[in-house]
Each structure stands twice: as structure tokens, then as C-alpha cells.
Amino acid sequence: MRPHVILNAGITADGKIATRTGDSAISSKEDLQRVHKIREEVDAIMVGIGTVLDDDPRLSIHKIASDAENPIRVVADSYARIPLTARMFNEKGITIIAVSAKVDKERVQKIEERAEVCVCGAEKVDLKCLMRKLYRRGVRKLLLEGGGNLNFGMLKAGLVDEVRFAIAPRLVGGRDAVSLVEGEGFATVAEGVELELLKHYKLGRDLVLEYRVVRSD
């Protein structure tokens, strides 16, 4: 058993989630509020270590008025590179850093002063193992907020159920800009993840698309 996973992002019209310099200020005020409403409804939010290093996100509910508790914050961080000064450590609620068994024990002990550490995988984080462990601790719905490599890893492992994104009316280009899905990619279009459009609507300047992942089995 595993959580129901929603992959969400704000993207440019050419599919980028950050520019070549790492600027990811894509989402409009309306879209940020949309994202925080989703955060209200889920049990956990997950990002990759690249997102933490680039953006230092708080991963809490703070863009809308809410009485909800912050979801569990989960970071996939195979080599425990998360800065001990990361802003998320100052937020209320639980933070889980998922690491591989390769991580130095002293480093783990330092992180454990600020968060829980979950070991999954020998060389890098085993995402299927992590999802099982999160489910066992009560996570039934999880919001995946990237970045591109983690998005690909989750999609490739068949761990994503929904994909939602707000398309901003802007083009940034750049072969080194970050796309919604990165990683090694699929070899053929036929191998790619098939989506079924469930909903679309205008939100301020943006266009929001909501899909479900079509299972092949």
C-alpha cells in the first residue's frame, strides 16, 4: 500500500519550472493560493534535495488563512545534503529526511536534532520503499512538488496518480532550464506516462490543467 500522489507544479508555456539561472518565480498569487489549498488537503508534501538547495522552501501552509496543521514535510535526500539551517526546520510540524544507507552516521545524528530520518535504499533513496513507510505512518495523500528529477523518478516508478499544473503565459527557453520532468527520460513516446485530462480552467493569468495517470496494468 502507498499514498495517493498528486504531482503539482507551476510551469511556463514551454514547460519549464525554473530558468537556466534557477529562478523559479513562475506562480501567480492566485496559483500560490491554489497550491496552499491543496496542502490543506494532503497528509504530506515531498520535494527533492535539489529543490531545497535551490529554493529553501518552507513547505507549510502560509499563503492562505487556514486552521489546518502543516502536512508532514518529506525530502528525498540520498546523501543527506540538506543544510541544517533550512527554513523548513523552523516551521511547525514533522519533517522527514529520506536518505540512503550510504550516509555517514554522524551526519544522520545531526539531522535527527531537527527532523526524523528515514533510511530507504542502499545507494540512493528507494522511492517505493519510502512510499510504503509513509503509508504505514498514516500518509494517505501526498503532494509531490518536484523538482524535475524527483518527478521523473516517481513517474518512472509508477507512484504518481494525478498531475496538476498551472501554465503561466510566459516563455523562458534555455537548454539548461529545468523542465517539469527531468531525469534520463523515457526512450520512446510510447513508454511515456499517459495522462487523461479531468479538468481545466482559467485562474487569473494562468491555465490550470488536471490529469489522472492512466495505468497500463
Protein backbone atom coordinates (compact mmCIF):
# COMPACT_ATOMS: atom_id res chain seq x y z
CA MET A 1 0.00 0.00 0.00
CA ARG A 2 1.12 3.56 -0.72
CA PRO A 3 -0.27 7.11 -0.60
CA HIS A 4 -2.29 8.68 -3.40
CA VAL A 5 0.23 11.02 -5.03
CA ILE A 6 -0.55 14.35 -6.71
CA LEU A 7 2.27 15.85 -8.76
CA ASN A 8 1.77 19.61 -8.89
CA ALA A 9 3.78 22.46 -10.37
CA GLY A 10 3.69 25.92 -11.82
CA ILE A 11 5.25 25.86 -15.31
CA THR A 12 5.95 28.24 -18.16
CA ALA A 13 4.24 27.79 -21.51
CA ASP A 14 7.36 25.97 -22.72
CA GLY A 15 7.29 23.51 -19.82
CA LYS A 16 9.97 24.96 -17.56
CA ILE A 17 9.81 25.03 -13.75
CA ALA A 18 12.97 27.15 -13.43
CA THR A 19 15.21 29.18 -15.72
CA ARG A 20 18.84 28.39 -16.52
CA THR A 21 19.86 30.53 -13.52
CA GLY A 22 17.47 28.72 -11.17
CA ASP A 23 14.80 31.41 -11.00
CA SER A 24 11.51 29.61 -10.25
CA ALA A 25 9.24 32.62 -9.55
CA ILE A 26 6.64 31.38 -12.04
CA SER A 27 3.45 31.02 -9.99
CA SER A 28 0.98 33.90 -9.76
CA LYS A 29 -0.61 34.93 -6.47
CA GLU A 30 -3.74 33.01 -7.44
CA ASP A 31 -1.75 29.88 -8.23
CA LEU A 32 0.15 30.04 -4.95
CA GLN A 33 -3.18 30.15 -3.14
CA ARG A 34 -4.35 27.15 -5.17
CA VAL A 35 -1.26 25.19 -4.12
CA HIS A 36 -1.71 26.04 -0.47
CA LYS A 37 -5.33 24.88 -0.63
CA ILE A 38 -4.04 21.54 -1.90
CA ARG A 39 -1.56 21.48 1.00
CA GLU A 40 -4.53 21.81 3.35
CA GLU A 41 -5.98 18.59 1.95
CA VAL A 42 -2.93 16.32 1.99
CA ASP A 43 -1.07 14.48 4.72
CA ALA A 44 2.43 15.15 3.38
CA ILE A 45 4.41 17.29 0.92
CA MET A 46 7.51 15.88 -0.76
CA VAL A 47 10.36 17.56 -2.62
CA GLY A 48 13.83 16.55 -3.74
CA ILE A 49 17.02 17.88 -2.25
CA GLY A 50 17.66 19.98 -5.37
CA THR A 51 14.52 22.00 -4.66
CA VAL A 52 15.66 22.57 -1.08
CA LEU A 53 19.14 23.69 -2.12
CA ASP A 54 17.83 25.99 -4.85
CA ASP A 55 14.71 27.46 -3.23
CA ASP A 56 14.92 26.79 0.54
CA PRO A 57 11.12 26.28 0.72
CA ARG A 58 9.15 26.44 3.95
CA LEU A 59 6.79 23.63 2.86
CA SER A 60 4.00 24.86 5.11
CA ILE A 61 0.56 26.42 4.73
CA HIS A 62 1.17 30.16 4.83
CA LYS A 63 -0.27 31.76 1.68
CA ILE A 64 -3.89 31.37 2.82
CA ALA A 65 -5.74 31.73 6.12
CA SER A 66 -6.05 28.21 7.49
CA ASP A 67 -6.67 26.34 10.72
CA ALA A 68 -5.19 23.16 9.26
CA GLU A 69 -1.97 21.69 10.62
CA ASN A 70 1.03 21.71 8.32
CA PRO A 71 1.40 18.47 6.36
CA ILE A 72 4.41 16.28 7.06
CA ARG A 73 7.38 17.60 5.10
CA VAL A 74 9.36 14.93 3.25
CA VAL A 75 12.68 15.48 1.48
CA ALA A 76 14.25 12.83 -0.74
CA ASP A 77 17.93 13.41 0.03
CA SER A 78 20.01 10.32 -0.76
CA TYR A 79 23.28 11.72 0.57
CA ALA A 80 21.91 13.89 3.42
CA ARG A 81 22.96 17.18 1.86
CA ILE A 82 20.18 19.23 3.43
CA PRO A 83 21.51 22.36 5.18
CA LEU A 84 20.87 22.31 8.92
CA THR A 85 19.75 25.94 8.52
CA ALA A 86 16.93 25.09 6.05
CA ARG A 87 13.84 27.22 6.65
CA MET A 88 11.53 24.21 6.88
CA PHE A 89 13.12 23.28 10.20
CA ASN A 90 11.62 26.45 11.68
CA GLU A 91 8.06 25.52 10.68
CA LYS A 92 5.57 23.75 12.91
CA GLY A 93 5.01 20.06 12.26
CA ILE A 94 7.02 16.99 11.31
CA THR A 95 9.90 16.90 8.86
CA ILE A 96 11.22 13.62 7.44
CA ILE A 97 14.51 13.42 5.57
CA ALA A 98 14.71 10.26 3.46
CA VAL A 99 18.30 9.10 2.94
CA SER A 100 20.19 6.07 1.64
CA ALA A 101 22.09 3.61 3.82
CA LYS A 102 25.32 5.12 2.46
CA VAL A 103 25.01 8.26 4.60
CA ASP A 104 27.52 8.87 7.38
CA LYS A 105 26.05 8.13 10.84
CA GLU A 106 27.38 11.35 12.35
CA ARG A 107 25.62 13.34 9.65
CA VAL A 108 22.40 11.47 10.37
CA GLN A 109 22.69 12.27 14.07
CA LYS A 110 23.00 16.00 13.30
CA ILE A 111 19.91 15.91 11.10
CA GLU A 112 17.99 14.00 13.76
CA GLU A 113 18.32 17.02 16.05
CA ARG A 114 15.96 18.83 13.67
CA ALA A 115 13.99 16.13 11.87
CA GLU A 116 13.22 12.45 11.55
CA VAL A 117 15.49 10.41 9.31
CA CYS A 118 14.10 7.59 7.18
CA VAL A 119 16.58 5.18 5.58
CA CYS A 120 15.34 3.68 2.30
CA GLY A 121 17.71 2.17 -0.24
CA ALA A 122 21.38 1.20 -0.33
CA GLU A 123 22.90 3.77 -2.72
CA LYS A 124 20.04 6.24 -3.22
CA VAL A 125 16.53 6.69 -1.88
CA ASP A 126 14.25 3.82 -2.88
CA LEU A 127 11.03 5.70 -3.63
CA LYS A 128 8.77 2.64 -3.43
CA CYS A 129 10.19 1.81 0.00
CA LEU A 130 9.67 5.42 1.10
CA MET A 131 6.05 5.44 -0.06
CA ARG A 132 5.35 2.22 1.87
CA LYS A 133 6.90 3.64 5.03
CA LEU A 134 4.94 6.88 4.71
CA TYR A 135 1.71 4.93 4.23
CA ARG A 136 2.41 2.90 7.38
CA ARG A 137 2.69 6.11 9.36
CA GLY A 138 -0.67 7.34 8.14
CA VAL A 139 0.09 9.29 4.97
CA ARG A 140 -2.81 8.62 2.63
CA LYS A 141 -2.47 11.60 0.29
CA LEU A 142 0.86 13.14 -0.70
CA LEU A 143 1.62 16.29 -2.70
CA LEU A 144 4.73 16.00 -4.87
CA GLU A 145 6.29 19.40 -5.58
CA GLY A 146 9.41 18.42 -7.54
CA GLY A 147 11.94 19.09 -8.78
CA GLY A 148 12.30 17.62 -12.22
CA ASN A 149 14.49 14.63 -11.29
CA LEU A 150 12.26 13.53 -8.41
CA ASN A 151 9.20 13.98 -10.62
CA PHE A 152 10.74 11.63 -13.19
CA GLY A 153 11.75 9.10 -10.55
CA MET A 154 8.25 8.99 -9.10
CA LEU A 155 6.63 8.74 -12.54
CA LYS A 156 9.01 6.02 -13.71
CA ALA A 157 8.32 4.01 -10.55
CA GLY A 158 4.56 4.25 -11.17
CA LEU A 159 4.00 6.18 -7.96
CA VAL A 160 2.03 9.18 -9.31
CA ASP A 161 -1.78 9.15 -9.55
CA GLU A 162 -2.58 12.73 -10.59
CA VAL A 163 -0.72 15.51 -12.37
CA ARG A 164 -1.79 19.11 -11.95
CA PHE A 165 -0.05 22.21 -13.23
CA ALA A 166 -0.72 25.87 -13.81
CA ILE A 167 0.69 27.15 -17.09
CA ALA A 168 1.95 30.73 -16.88
CA PRO A 169 1.74 32.79 -20.11
CA ARG A 170 5.49 33.19 -20.42
CA LEU A 171 8.33 31.60 -22.42
CA VAL A 172 11.84 31.38 -20.96
CA GLY A 173 13.65 28.83 -23.14
CA GLY A 174 17.12 27.58 -22.35
CA ARG A 175 18.60 24.13 -22.86
CA ASP A 176 19.82 24.28 -19.25
CA ALA A 177 16.48 25.45 -17.84
CA VAL A 178 14.69 22.91 -15.64
CA SER A 179 11.69 21.12 -17.12
CA LEU A 180 8.71 19.69 -15.25
CA VAL A 181 10.14 16.19 -15.73
CA GLU A 182 13.89 15.70 -15.99
CA GLY A 183 15.99 12.59 -15.26
CA GLU A 184 17.08 10.27 -18.03
CA GLY A 185 13.64 10.37 -19.64
CA PHE A 186 11.86 7.59 -21.48
CA ALA A 187 13.42 6.20 -24.66
CA THR A 188 10.21 6.35 -26.69
CA VAL A 189 6.98 8.31 -26.61
CA ALA A 190 5.09 5.03 -26.17
CA GLU A 191 6.96 4.36 -22.93
CA GLY A 192 5.97 7.76 -21.53
CA VAL A 193 3.33 8.20 -18.86
CA GLU A 194 -0.13 8.52 -20.38
CA LEU A 195 -2.47 11.12 -18.92
CA GLU A 196 -6.23 11.68 -19.11
CA LEU A 197 -7.47 15.24 -18.80
CA LEU A 198 -10.01 15.57 -15.99
CA LYS A 199 -10.38 19.32 -15.61
CA HIS A 200 -9.13 22.63 -16.98
CA TYR A 201 -9.87 26.21 -16.00
CA LYS A 202 -8.51 29.75 -16.13
CA LEU A 203 -7.03 31.05 -12.88
CA GLY A 204 -6.01 34.69 -13.06
CA ARG A 205 -3.46 34.84 -15.87
CA ASP A 206 -2.80 31.08 -15.77
CA LEU A 207 -4.38 27.98 -17.24
CA VAL A 208 -4.73 25.07 -14.80
CA LEU A 209 -4.78 21.51 -16.15
CA GLU A 210 -5.62 18.49 -14.00
CA TYR A 211 -4.94 14.95 -15.22
CA ARG A 212 -5.12 11.42 -13.90
CA VAL A 213 -2.36 8.94 -14.70
CA VAL A 214 -3.62 6.16 -16.99
CA ARG A 215 -2.43 2.79 -15.70
CA SER A 216 -1.28 0.21 -18.25
CA ASP A 217 -1.98 -2.75 -15.97
